N, C-alpha and C. Protein backbone atom coordinates (compact mmCIF):
# COMPACT_ATOMS: atom_id res chain seq x y z
N MET A 1 0.71 -1.24 0.21
CA MET A 1 -0.09 0.14 -0.10
C MET A 1 0.89 1.23 0.01
N ARG A 2 0.61 2.14 -1.03
CA ARG A 2 1.23 3.34 -1.24
C ARG A 2 0.64 4.36 -0.33
N LEU A 3 1.75 5.04 0.40
CA LEU A 3 0.86 6.29 1.37
C LEU A 3 1.13 7.65 0.43
N LYS A 4 0.07 8.42 0.53
CA LYS A 4 0.29 9.82 -0.09
C LYS A 4 0.56 10.85 0.82
N TYR A 5 1.25 11.32 0.28
CA TYR A 5 1.71 12.78 1.17
C TYR A 5 1.18 13.86 0.61
N GLN A 6 0.60 14.89 1.60
CA GLN A 6 -0.13 16.20 0.86
C GLN A 6 1.02 17.25 0.95
N ALA A 7 0.98 17.96 0.17
CA ALA A 7 2.23 18.95 -0.07
C ALA A 7 1.71 20.11 0.88
N GLY A 8 2.80 20.86 1.69
CA GLY A 8 2.21 21.90 2.65
C GLY A 8 3.42 22.87 2.89
N PHE A 9 3.34 23.56 3.54
CA PHE A 9 4.22 24.61 4.04
C PHE A 9 5.11 24.13 5.30
N THR A 10 6.51 24.45 5.08
CA THR A 10 7.29 24.40 6.10
C THR A 10 7.20 25.42 7.09
N LEU A 11 7.70 24.99 8.63
CA LEU A 11 7.68 26.10 9.17
C LEU A 11 8.59 27.04 8.98
N ILE A 12 9.79 27.14 8.30
CA ILE A 12 10.56 28.16 7.83
C ILE A 12 9.70 29.00 7.08
N GLU A 13 9.11 28.53 5.79
CA GLU A 13 8.23 29.20 4.81
C GLU A 13 7.22 30.01 5.78
N ILE A 14 6.49 29.38 6.53
CA ILE A 14 5.63 29.98 7.22
C ILE A 14 6.05 31.22 8.10
N MET A 15 7.38 31.27 8.89
CA MET A 15 7.94 32.15 9.40
C MET A 15 8.18 33.30 8.49
N ILE A 16 9.02 33.05 7.43
CA ILE A 16 9.30 33.88 6.28
C ILE A 16 8.14 34.69 5.79
N ALA A 17 7.04 34.07 5.46
CA ALA A 17 5.64 34.83 5.14
C ALA A 17 5.20 35.60 6.30
N MET A 18 5.25 35.45 7.41
CA MET A 18 4.80 36.34 8.48
C MET A 18 5.69 37.34 8.58
N ALA A 19 6.96 37.27 8.59
CA ALA A 19 8.00 38.19 8.47
C ALA A 19 7.73 39.21 7.52
N ILE A 20 7.47 38.91 6.05
CA ILE A 20 7.04 39.50 5.14
C ILE A 20 5.75 40.43 5.09
N PHE A 21 4.55 39.68 5.72
CA PHE A 21 3.53 40.48 6.08
C PHE A 21 3.54 41.61 7.05
N ALA A 22 4.65 41.17 7.81
CA ALA A 22 4.77 42.23 9.04
C ALA A 22 5.60 43.39 8.54
N LEU A 23 6.59 43.14 7.71
CA LEU A 23 7.03 44.30 7.09
C LEU A 23 6.07 45.10 6.13
N ILE A 24 5.48 44.52 5.25
CA ILE A 24 4.30 45.37 4.67
C ILE A 24 3.28 46.11 5.64
N GLY A 25 3.03 45.44 6.58
CA GLY A 25 1.97 46.11 7.64
C GLY A 25 2.50 47.26 8.14
N LEU A 26 3.87 47.14 8.47
CA LEU A 26 4.78 48.38 9.26
C LEU A 26 5.03 49.40 8.07
N ALA A 27 5.20 48.86 6.88
CA ALA A 27 5.31 50.01 5.77
C ALA A 27 4.06 50.66 5.55
N SER A 28 3.03 49.76 5.62
CA SER A 28 1.61 50.59 5.29
C SER A 28 1.24 51.55 6.36
N ASN A 29 1.38 51.42 7.88
CA ASN A 29 1.27 52.15 8.61
C ASN A 29 2.07 53.56 8.79
N GLN A 30 3.35 53.24 8.49
CA GLN A 30 4.17 54.54 8.26
C GLN A 30 3.66 55.27 7.18
N VAL A 31 3.10 54.77 5.92
CA VAL A 31 2.67 55.75 4.89
C VAL A 31 1.36 56.24 5.43
N LEU A 32 0.48 55.79 5.95
CA LEU A 32 -0.69 56.11 6.48
C LEU A 32 -0.60 57.31 7.77
N PHE A 33 0.36 56.84 8.54
CA PHE A 33 0.97 57.94 9.64
C PHE A 33 1.20 59.10 8.65
N SER A 34 2.34 59.24 7.90
CA SER A 34 2.74 60.37 7.04
C SER A 34 1.61 61.00 6.48
N VAL A 35 0.49 60.26 5.91
CA VAL A 35 -0.52 60.92 5.07
C VAL A 35 -1.46 61.49 6.09
N LEU A 36 -1.45 61.17 7.23
CA LEU A 36 -2.63 61.81 8.22
C LEU A 36 -1.94 62.97 8.68
N THR A 37 -0.46 63.08 9.09
CA THR A 37 0.15 63.95 9.41
C THR A 37 0.31 65.24 8.43
N SER A 38 0.66 64.98 7.31
CA SER A 38 0.63 65.88 6.29
C SER A 38 -0.98 66.55 6.09
N ASP A 39 -1.92 65.67 6.06
CA ASP A 39 -3.14 66.35 6.18
C ASP A 39 -3.51 67.37 7.39
N GLU A 40 -2.97 66.93 8.34
CA GLU A 40 -2.97 67.66 9.77
C GLU A 40 -2.30 68.93 9.60
N VAL A 41 -1.12 69.06 9.03
CA VAL A 41 -0.08 69.89 8.77
C VAL A 41 -0.79 70.85 7.93
N SER A 42 -1.47 70.59 6.95
CA SER A 42 -2.21 71.20 5.62
C SER A 42 -3.25 71.88 6.32
N GLN A 43 -4.28 71.22 6.92
CA GLN A 43 -5.34 71.87 7.69
C GLN A 43 -4.94 73.01 8.63
N GLN A 44 -3.79 72.85 9.59
CA GLN A 44 -3.41 73.86 10.19
C GLN A 44 -2.92 75.14 9.60
N ALA A 45 -2.26 74.93 8.44
CA ALA A 45 -1.81 76.09 7.32
C ALA A 45 -3.01 76.49 6.76
N SER A 46 -3.78 75.90 6.43
CA SER A 46 -5.43 76.39 5.84
C SER A 46 -5.80 77.39 6.77
N GLN A 47 -6.05 77.13 8.17
CA GLN A 47 -6.53 77.58 9.02
C GLN A 47 -6.03 79.01 9.51
N ARG A 48 -4.67 78.67 9.29
CA ARG A 48 -3.60 80.01 9.69
C ARG A 48 -3.88 81.00 8.51
N ILE A 49 -3.85 80.43 7.41
CA ILE A 49 -4.17 81.59 6.36
C ILE A 49 -5.11 82.23 6.38
N LYS A 50 -6.38 81.61 6.61
CA LYS A 50 -7.82 81.97 6.86
C LYS A 50 -8.11 83.06 8.21
N GLN A 51 -7.21 82.73 9.05
CA GLN A 51 -7.11 83.70 10.17
C GLN A 51 -6.30 84.91 9.72
N VAL A 52 -5.42 84.64 9.05
CA VAL A 52 -4.33 86.12 8.41
C VAL A 52 -5.65 87.03 7.72
N GLN A 53 -6.26 86.22 6.65
CA GLN A 53 -7.05 86.94 5.82
C GLN A 53 -7.96 87.56 6.49
N ARG A 54 -8.94 86.89 7.61
CA ARG A 54 -9.96 87.58 8.10
C ARG A 54 -9.13 88.83 8.99
N SER A 55 -8.22 88.70 9.44
CA SER A 55 -7.68 89.82 10.57
C SER A 55 -7.37 90.97 9.25
N TYR A 56 -6.87 90.64 8.64
CA TYR A 56 -6.16 91.67 7.26
C TYR A 56 -7.94 92.43 6.93
N GLN A 57 -8.73 91.81 6.57
CA GLN A 57 -10.21 92.57 6.19
C GLN A 57 -10.75 93.43 7.11
N LEU A 58 -10.59 92.71 8.59
CA LEU A 58 -11.09 93.44 9.71
C LEU A 58 -10.40 94.80 9.96
N ILE A 59 -9.14 94.59 10.05
CA ILE A 59 -8.15 95.95 10.15
C ILE A 59 -8.55 97.01 9.07
N GLN A 60 -8.53 96.23 7.73
CA GLN A 60 -8.61 97.28 6.79
C GLN A 60 -9.95 97.81 6.88
N THR A 61 -11.05 97.56 7.15
CA THR A 61 -12.46 98.14 7.14
C THR A 61 -12.38 99.18 8.62
N ASP A 62 -11.80 98.85 9.56
CA ASP A 62 -11.44 99.73 10.71
C ASP A 62 -10.68 100.95 10.26
N LEU A 63 -9.54 100.65 9.35
CA LEU A 63 -8.59 101.87 9.09
C LEU A 63 -9.05 102.95 8.27
N MET A 64 -9.78 102.14 7.38
CA MET A 64 -10.40 103.08 6.01
C MET A 64 -11.75 103.65 6.62
N GLN A 65 -12.34 103.31 7.70
CA GLN A 65 -13.41 104.15 8.23
C GLN A 65 -12.90 105.23 9.45
N MET A 66 -11.69 105.19 9.55
CA MET A 66 -11.32 106.20 10.62
C MET A 66 -12.14 107.51 10.57
N ALA A 67 -12.50 108.07 11.84
CA ALA A 67 -13.18 109.31 11.77
C ALA A 67 -12.20 110.27 12.47
N PRO A 68 -12.57 111.31 11.90
CA PRO A 68 -11.99 112.46 12.51
C PRO A 68 -12.51 113.14 13.62
N ARG A 69 -12.43 112.29 14.57
CA ARG A 69 -13.12 112.62 16.08
C ARG A 69 -12.11 112.40 17.02
N PRO A 70 -12.19 113.03 18.27
CA PRO A 70 -11.22 112.94 19.38
C PRO A 70 -11.53 111.51 20.02
N ILE A 71 -10.39 110.85 20.23
CA ILE A 71 -10.51 109.41 20.85
C ILE A 71 -10.02 109.75 22.68
N ARG A 72 -10.93 108.97 23.12
CA ARG A 72 -10.71 108.74 24.60
C ARG A 72 -10.83 107.33 25.06
N LEU A 73 -10.10 106.56 25.69
CA LEU A 73 -10.09 105.37 26.12
C LEU A 73 -10.03 105.22 27.57
N GLY A 74 -10.84 104.28 28.08
CA GLY A 74 -10.94 103.97 29.47
C GLY A 74 -10.64 105.01 30.39
N ASP A 75 -9.67 105.11 31.40
CA ASP A 75 -9.58 106.23 32.28
C ASP A 75 -8.66 107.38 31.84
N ASN A 76 -8.29 107.21 30.42
CA ASN A 76 -7.66 108.61 30.00
C ASN A 76 -8.24 109.99 29.95
N GLU A 77 -7.66 110.92 30.07
CA GLU A 77 -8.28 112.32 30.12
C GLU A 77 -8.77 112.64 28.50
N PRO A 78 -9.66 113.21 28.31
CA PRO A 78 -10.18 113.60 27.15
C PRO A 78 -8.85 113.96 26.08
N SER A 79 -8.59 113.90 24.76
CA SER A 79 -7.72 114.13 24.31
C SER A 79 -8.17 115.07 22.81
N SER A 80 -7.31 115.75 22.49
CA SER A 80 -7.42 116.66 21.00
C SER A 80 -7.57 115.73 19.95
N LYS A 81 -6.36 114.54 20.10
CA LYS A 81 -5.84 113.92 18.88
C LYS A 81 -6.91 112.78 18.64
N LEU A 82 -6.96 112.81 17.28
CA LEU A 82 -7.79 111.81 16.45
C LEU A 82 -6.93 110.58 16.59
N LEU A 83 -5.74 110.38 16.71
CA LEU A 83 -5.27 108.99 16.62
C LEU A 83 -4.29 108.99 17.56
N LEU A 84 -4.07 107.84 18.80
CA LEU A 84 -3.17 107.58 19.77
C LEU A 84 -2.51 106.67 19.11
N ALA A 85 -1.13 106.95 19.16
CA ALA A 85 -0.45 105.71 18.40
C ALA A 85 0.92 106.09 19.19
N GLY A 86 1.73 104.67 19.08
CA GLY A 86 3.02 104.57 19.74
C GLY A 86 3.39 103.73 20.37
N GLU A 87 4.72 103.63 21.23
CA GLU A 87 5.07 102.36 22.06
C GLU A 87 4.11 102.27 23.34
N GLY A 88 3.68 101.20 23.83
CA GLY A 88 2.80 101.06 24.96
C GLY A 88 1.44 101.68 24.82
N VAL A 89 1.03 102.19 23.81
CA VAL A 89 -0.25 102.52 23.89
C VAL A 89 -1.38 101.52 24.18
N ILE A 90 -2.46 101.76 24.71
CA ILE A 90 -3.61 100.77 25.49
C ILE A 90 -2.59 99.55 25.84
N ASP A 91 -1.65 99.73 26.58
CA ASP A 91 -1.19 98.75 27.32
C ASP A 91 -0.59 97.70 26.28
N SER A 92 0.07 97.90 25.20
CA SER A 92 0.61 97.05 24.50
C SER A 92 2.01 96.59 24.58
N ASP A 93 2.54 95.41 24.30
CA ASP A 93 3.98 95.08 24.63
C ASP A 93 4.88 95.88 23.69
N ASP A 94 4.20 96.13 22.67
CA ASP A 94 4.86 96.88 21.48
C ASP A 94 4.18 98.10 21.12
N HIS A 95 4.21 98.50 19.97
CA HIS A 95 3.30 99.45 19.60
C HIS A 95 1.83 99.30 19.44
N GLY A 96 1.10 100.41 19.61
CA GLY A 96 -0.54 100.23 19.97
C GLY A 96 -0.81 101.35 19.03
N ILE A 97 -2.32 101.22 18.55
CA ILE A 97 -3.00 102.24 18.03
C ILE A 97 -4.16 102.19 18.46
N ALA A 98 -5.13 103.53 18.74
CA ALA A 98 -6.40 103.58 19.13
C ALA A 98 -7.00 104.70 18.40
N PHE A 99 -8.28 104.70 17.90
CA PHE A 99 -8.96 105.78 17.04
C PHE A 99 -10.55 105.51 16.98
N THR A 100 -11.00 106.37 16.64
CA THR A 100 -12.41 106.09 16.29
C THR A 100 -12.86 105.91 14.85
N ARG A 101 -13.85 105.13 14.66
CA ARG A 101 -14.29 104.48 13.41
C ARG A 101 -15.67 104.84 13.23
N LEU A 102 -16.25 105.21 11.95
CA LEU A 102 -17.55 105.32 11.36
C LEU A 102 -17.99 104.02 10.86
N GLY A 103 -19.46 103.95 10.61
CA GLY A 103 -19.71 102.52 9.83
C GLY A 103 -20.10 101.35 10.90
N TRP A 104 -20.20 101.46 12.08
CA TRP A 104 -20.54 100.34 13.11
C TRP A 104 -21.92 100.12 12.71
N ARG A 105 -22.01 99.13 12.27
CA ARG A 105 -23.55 98.60 11.65
C ARG A 105 -24.49 98.61 13.01
N ASN A 106 -25.57 98.89 12.91
CA ASN A 106 -26.61 99.03 14.01
C ASN A 106 -28.04 99.01 13.35
N PRO A 107 -28.37 97.87 12.82
CA PRO A 107 -29.55 97.69 11.80
C PRO A 107 -30.88 98.18 12.35
N ALA A 108 -31.55 99.09 12.14
CA ALA A 108 -32.85 99.72 12.48
C ALA A 108 -32.70 99.96 13.95
N GLN A 109 -31.42 100.63 14.40
CA GLN A 109 -31.04 100.83 15.58
C GLN A 109 -31.55 100.06 16.75
N MET A 110 -31.24 98.74 16.36
CA MET A 110 -31.53 97.67 17.38
C MET A 110 -31.10 97.54 18.59
N PHE A 111 -29.47 98.00 18.68
CA PHE A 111 -28.82 97.94 19.80
C PHE A 111 -28.65 99.40 20.56
N PRO A 112 -28.38 99.40 21.74
CA PRO A 112 -28.60 101.06 22.26
C PRO A 112 -27.20 101.36 22.35
N ARG A 113 -26.89 101.93 21.19
CA ARG A 113 -25.67 102.42 20.79
C ARG A 113 -25.62 103.02 19.39
N GLY A 114 -24.67 103.69 19.01
CA GLY A 114 -24.54 104.65 17.85
C GLY A 114 -23.83 103.59 16.93
N SER A 115 -23.72 104.28 15.90
CA SER A 115 -22.50 103.57 14.65
C SER A 115 -21.33 104.09 14.88
N VAL A 116 -20.75 104.87 15.84
CA VAL A 116 -19.35 105.24 16.05
C VAL A 116 -18.79 104.27 16.98
N GLN A 117 -17.65 103.71 16.76
CA GLN A 117 -16.92 102.78 17.48
C GLN A 117 -15.56 103.38 17.86
N ALA A 118 -15.19 103.13 19.15
CA ALA A 118 -13.79 103.39 19.56
C ALA A 118 -13.04 102.00 19.49
N VAL A 119 -11.97 101.96 18.64
CA VAL A 119 -11.17 100.73 18.55
C VAL A 119 -9.63 100.75 18.81
N GLY A 120 -8.95 99.69 18.91
CA GLY A 120 -7.50 99.92 19.03
C GLY A 120 -6.95 98.41 18.93
N TYR A 121 -5.65 98.37 18.44
CA TYR A 121 -4.87 97.12 18.28
C TYR A 121 -3.60 97.54 19.19
N ARG A 122 -3.32 96.10 19.69
CA ARG A 122 -2.08 96.03 20.37
C ARG A 122 -1.51 94.67 20.46
N LEU A 123 -0.18 94.46 20.86
CA LEU A 123 0.32 93.09 21.16
C LEU A 123 0.46 92.84 22.51
N VAL A 124 -0.31 91.68 22.97
CA VAL A 124 -0.11 91.37 24.14
C VAL A 124 0.09 89.89 24.35
N ASP A 125 1.34 89.57 25.07
CA ASP A 125 1.62 87.96 25.44
C ASP A 125 1.58 87.36 23.78
N ASN A 126 2.41 87.76 22.88
CA ASN A 126 2.29 87.23 21.62
C ASN A 126 1.05 87.40 21.01
N GLN A 127 -0.14 88.02 21.06
CA GLN A 127 -1.20 88.11 20.58
C GLN A 127 -1.45 89.43 20.17
N LEU A 128 -2.07 89.35 18.69
CA LEU A 128 -2.65 90.77 17.90
C LEU A 128 -3.97 90.73 18.68
N GLN A 129 -4.29 91.85 19.43
CA GLN A 129 -5.77 91.99 20.01
C GLN A 129 -6.50 92.88 19.31
N ARG A 130 -7.64 93.10 19.14
CA ARG A 130 -8.16 94.22 18.72
C ARG A 130 -9.34 94.42 19.83
N LEU A 131 -9.26 95.93 20.29
CA LEU A 131 -9.87 96.26 21.48
C LEU A 131 -11.09 97.13 21.05
N HIS A 132 -12.32 97.10 21.53
CA HIS A 132 -13.45 97.95 20.85
C HIS A 132 -14.29 98.42 22.08
N TYR A 133 -15.16 99.46 22.19
CA TYR A 133 -16.08 99.65 23.32
C TYR A 133 -17.18 100.26 22.70
N LEU A 134 -18.11 99.77 23.50
CA LEU A 134 -19.62 100.30 22.90
C LEU A 134 -19.75 101.45 22.51
N TYR A 135 -19.16 102.33 23.19
CA TYR A 135 -19.26 103.97 23.10
C TYR A 135 -18.08 104.75 22.93
N PRO A 136 -18.22 105.94 21.93
CA PRO A 136 -16.90 106.07 21.86
C PRO A 136 -16.23 106.91 22.94
N ASP A 137 -17.09 107.47 23.83
CA ASP A 137 -16.63 108.02 24.98
C ASP A 137 -17.21 107.05 26.32
N GLN A 138 -16.06 106.64 27.14
CA GLN A 138 -16.56 105.62 28.19
C GLN A 138 -16.26 106.33 29.58
N GLN A 139 -17.02 105.88 30.38
CA GLN A 139 -16.88 106.13 31.79
C GLN A 139 -15.70 105.29 32.31
N ALA A 140 -15.27 106.03 33.40
CA ALA A 140 -13.98 105.75 34.14
C ALA A 140 -14.33 104.41 34.49
N GLY A 141 -13.32 103.22 34.37
CA GLY A 141 -13.27 101.83 34.81
C GLY A 141 -13.78 101.24 33.78
N THR A 142 -14.31 101.42 32.55
CA THR A 142 -15.16 100.95 31.48
C THR A 142 -13.87 99.80 30.89
N GLN A 143 -14.34 98.60 30.87
CA GLN A 143 -13.14 97.54 30.14
C GLN A 143 -13.61 97.42 28.83
N PRO A 144 -12.47 97.56 27.84
CA PRO A 144 -12.96 97.21 26.35
C PRO A 144 -13.23 95.72 26.58
N GLN A 145 -14.02 95.27 25.15
CA GLN A 145 -14.13 94.19 24.96
C GLN A 145 -12.77 93.62 24.03
N VAL A 146 -12.28 92.44 24.40
CA VAL A 146 -10.84 92.17 23.38
C VAL A 146 -11.31 90.99 22.76
N THR A 147 -10.72 90.96 21.49
CA THR A 147 -10.83 89.90 20.43
C THR A 147 -9.35 89.51 20.03
N VAL A 148 -9.00 88.48 20.27
CA VAL A 148 -7.79 87.75 19.94
C VAL A 148 -7.74 87.65 18.11
N LEU A 149 -7.13 88.42 17.65
CA LEU A 149 -6.98 88.00 16.08
C LEU A 149 -6.05 87.17 15.62
N LEU A 150 -4.81 87.20 16.08
CA LEU A 150 -3.56 86.28 15.79
C LEU A 150 -2.92 85.97 17.03
N ARG A 151 -2.24 84.80 16.70
CA ARG A 151 -1.35 84.27 17.85
C ARG A 151 0.14 84.08 17.27
N ASP A 152 0.95 84.07 18.01
CA ASP A 152 2.46 83.81 17.47
C ASP A 152 2.75 85.10 16.81
N VAL A 153 2.37 86.06 17.33
CA VAL A 153 3.00 87.24 16.78
C VAL A 153 4.29 87.82 17.63
N GLU A 154 5.42 88.32 16.79
CA GLU A 154 6.46 88.36 17.74
C GLU A 154 6.63 89.78 17.66
N GLN A 155 6.22 90.57 16.84
CA GLN A 155 6.52 92.10 16.67
C GLN A 155 5.31 92.93 16.03
N LEU A 156 4.99 93.97 16.55
CA LEU A 156 3.82 94.85 16.20
C LEU A 156 4.29 96.27 16.02
N LYS A 157 4.38 96.49 14.62
CA LYS A 157 4.68 98.20 14.61
C LYS A 157 3.85 98.86 13.53
N PHE A 158 3.51 100.20 13.58
CA PHE A 158 2.89 101.00 12.80
C PHE A 158 3.62 102.23 11.97
N GLU A 159 3.66 102.57 10.70
CA GLU A 159 3.78 103.62 10.30
C GLU A 159 2.87 104.44 9.73
N TYR A 160 3.20 105.94 9.26
CA TYR A 160 1.99 106.75 8.98
C TYR A 160 2.23 107.28 7.84
N PHE A 161 1.52 107.54 6.87
CA PHE A 161 1.92 108.41 5.48
C PHE A 161 1.26 109.65 5.70
N ALA A 162 2.20 110.77 5.50
CA ALA A 162 1.73 112.15 5.35
C ALA A 162 2.95 112.97 4.85
N ASP A 163 2.50 114.01 4.15
CA ASP A 163 3.68 114.74 3.57
C ASP A 163 4.41 114.00 2.33
N LYS A 164 3.77 113.18 1.74
CA LYS A 164 4.35 112.31 0.97
C LYS A 164 5.48 111.25 1.40
N LYS A 165 5.26 111.02 2.91
CA LYS A 165 6.49 110.22 3.07
C LYS A 165 5.85 109.30 4.44
N TRP A 166 6.57 108.18 4.63
CA TRP A 166 6.16 107.22 5.80
C TRP A 166 6.91 107.51 6.93
N GLN A 167 6.23 107.67 7.86
CA GLN A 167 6.78 108.29 9.24
C GLN A 167 6.69 107.21 10.48
N LYS A 168 7.61 106.90 11.37
CA LYS A 168 7.46 106.06 12.28
C LYS A 168 6.75 106.50 13.58
N ASN A 169 6.57 107.53 13.61
CA ASN A 169 5.97 108.36 14.54
C ASN A 169 4.90 109.09 14.39
N TRP A 170 3.70 109.35 15.02
CA TRP A 170 2.48 109.97 14.83
C TRP A 170 2.02 110.62 16.23
N THR A 171 2.45 112.39 15.93
CA THR A 171 2.05 113.08 17.21
C THR A 171 1.09 114.19 16.93
N LYS A 172 0.79 114.31 15.67
CA LYS A 172 -0.12 115.16 14.94
C LYS A 172 -1.49 115.29 15.55
N SER A 173 -2.22 116.26 15.22
CA SER A 173 -3.50 116.11 15.83
C SER A 173 -4.54 115.70 14.75
N GLU A 174 -4.24 115.76 13.50
CA GLU A 174 -5.02 115.23 12.64
C GLU A 174 -4.55 113.82 11.99
N LEU A 175 -5.71 113.33 10.97
CA LEU A 175 -5.30 111.84 10.90
C LEU A 175 -4.34 111.88 9.66
N PRO A 176 -3.45 110.72 9.78
CA PRO A 176 -2.66 110.50 8.59
C PRO A 176 -3.46 110.25 7.25
N GLN A 177 -2.79 110.29 6.00
CA GLN A 177 -3.47 109.68 4.86
C GLN A 177 -3.28 108.43 4.70
N GLY A 178 -2.53 107.53 5.49
CA GLY A 178 -2.57 106.28 5.19
C GLY A 178 -1.79 105.39 6.53
N VAL A 179 -2.17 104.49 6.74
CA VAL A 179 -1.38 103.69 8.10
C VAL A 179 -0.77 102.52 7.71
N ALA A 180 0.46 102.19 8.02
CA ALA A 180 0.85 100.51 7.82
C ALA A 180 1.08 99.86 8.85
N MET A 181 0.39 98.59 8.99
CA MET A 181 0.51 97.75 10.17
C MET A 181 2.05 96.91 9.62
N LEU A 182 2.98 96.78 10.58
CA LEU A 182 4.02 95.76 10.27
C LEU A 182 4.11 94.63 11.34
N LEU A 183 3.69 93.40 10.95
CA LEU A 183 3.56 92.25 11.85
C LEU A 183 4.98 91.37 11.37
N THR A 184 5.46 90.91 12.42
CA THR A 184 6.21 89.74 12.28
C THR A 184 5.52 88.27 13.08
N LEU A 185 5.17 87.38 12.24
CA LEU A 185 4.71 86.16 12.51
C LEU A 185 5.82 85.01 12.57
N LYS A 186 5.45 84.21 13.37
CA LYS A 186 6.43 82.97 14.04
C LYS A 186 6.20 82.18 12.63
N SER A 187 5.26 82.10 11.93
CA SER A 187 4.93 81.07 10.82
C SER A 187 5.32 81.67 9.44
N TYR A 188 5.11 83.13 9.36
CA TYR A 188 5.26 83.66 8.07
C TYR A 188 6.54 84.86 7.95
N GLY A 189 6.97 85.07 8.75
CA GLY A 189 8.13 86.04 8.99
C GLY A 189 7.44 87.51 8.74
N SER A 190 8.05 88.29 8.44
CA SER A 190 7.21 89.88 8.22
C SER A 190 6.29 90.09 7.17
N LEU A 191 5.29 90.82 7.75
CA LEU A 191 4.17 91.32 6.87
C LEU A 191 3.91 93.01 7.00
N ARG A 192 3.80 93.22 5.99
CA ARG A 192 3.66 94.91 5.69
C ARG A 192 2.04 95.14 4.97
N TRP A 193 1.34 95.59 5.85
CA TRP A 193 -0.36 95.99 5.37
C TRP A 193 -0.49 97.46 5.55
N GLN A 194 -0.67 98.06 4.17
CA GLN A 194 -0.64 99.49 3.89
C GLN A 194 -2.27 99.58 3.78
N PHE A 195 -2.92 100.62 4.20
CA PHE A 195 -4.40 101.15 4.43
C PHE A 195 -4.45 102.71 4.07
N LEU A 196 -5.60 102.88 3.39
CA LEU A 196 -5.73 104.61 3.11
C LEU A 196 -6.62 104.57 4.18
N THR A 197 -6.81 106.04 4.61
CA THR A 197 -7.76 106.66 5.73
C THR A 197 -8.83 107.38 4.94
N VAL A 198 -9.61 108.08 5.65
CA VAL A 198 -10.67 109.19 4.90
C VAL A 198 -9.76 110.40 4.69
N ALA A 199 -8.57 110.62 5.39
CA ALA A 199 -7.91 112.01 4.89
C ALA A 199 -7.00 111.62 3.69
N SER A 200 -6.95 110.69 3.34
CA SER A 200 -6.10 110.58 2.16
C SER A 200 -6.61 110.90 0.78
N GLY A 201 -6.00 111.64 0.11
CA GLY A 201 -6.32 112.34 -1.16
C GLY A 201 -5.82 111.70 -2.41
N GLU A 202 -4.88 110.74 -2.20
CA GLU A 202 -4.11 110.11 -3.30
C GLU A 202 -3.72 108.71 -2.79
N VAL A 203 -3.36 107.84 -3.79
CA VAL A 203 -2.80 106.66 -3.40
C VAL A 203 -1.70 106.50 -3.02
N VAL A 204 -1.50 105.65 -1.96
CA VAL A 204 -0.31 105.50 -1.10
C VAL A 204 0.55 104.80 -1.79
N ASN A 205 1.84 104.74 -1.75
CA ASN A 205 2.75 103.65 -2.65
C ASN A 205 3.62 103.14 -1.69
């Protein structure tokens, strides 16, 4: 009687196959992890770009509607200046700026306020902050509403356009023709945004 042998895998072949599958699985996991990481980084970069764009649009709206009206913030004494600007203004860690703007929407006068708004920009704890008050003139002790526009901001400076040139300081009683905001962001480096004001009669270069 002849015995029949069934063909099969040896132990060594099985171990080799398991090792190959393990390597393939490890490589697949690394590829998947790389794809997920790249997607997360891409989403974070996209979100950062959107934040920068929204900040630019808001700042542009504020500065282009700057009003020729004296500014008073918090406990400060009434000032004849239309624009407060410089080092440490509104408790900024760097330069700060404060002014009054027009065009604050109040549809059908639904809110107990006007359409004039006192606003300011400052740098605190590496955050670009926008401050605004409900009324253009505040009582002593009134705290502003603070909105964080951008984080990881390393530097904030302003320049002012008048007499056909840019100036690093502004101490005049009138409004400049243009304002430039200079930001240094950890992720993008230096940015320079230039805006016209209501006092501008020409294009600022």
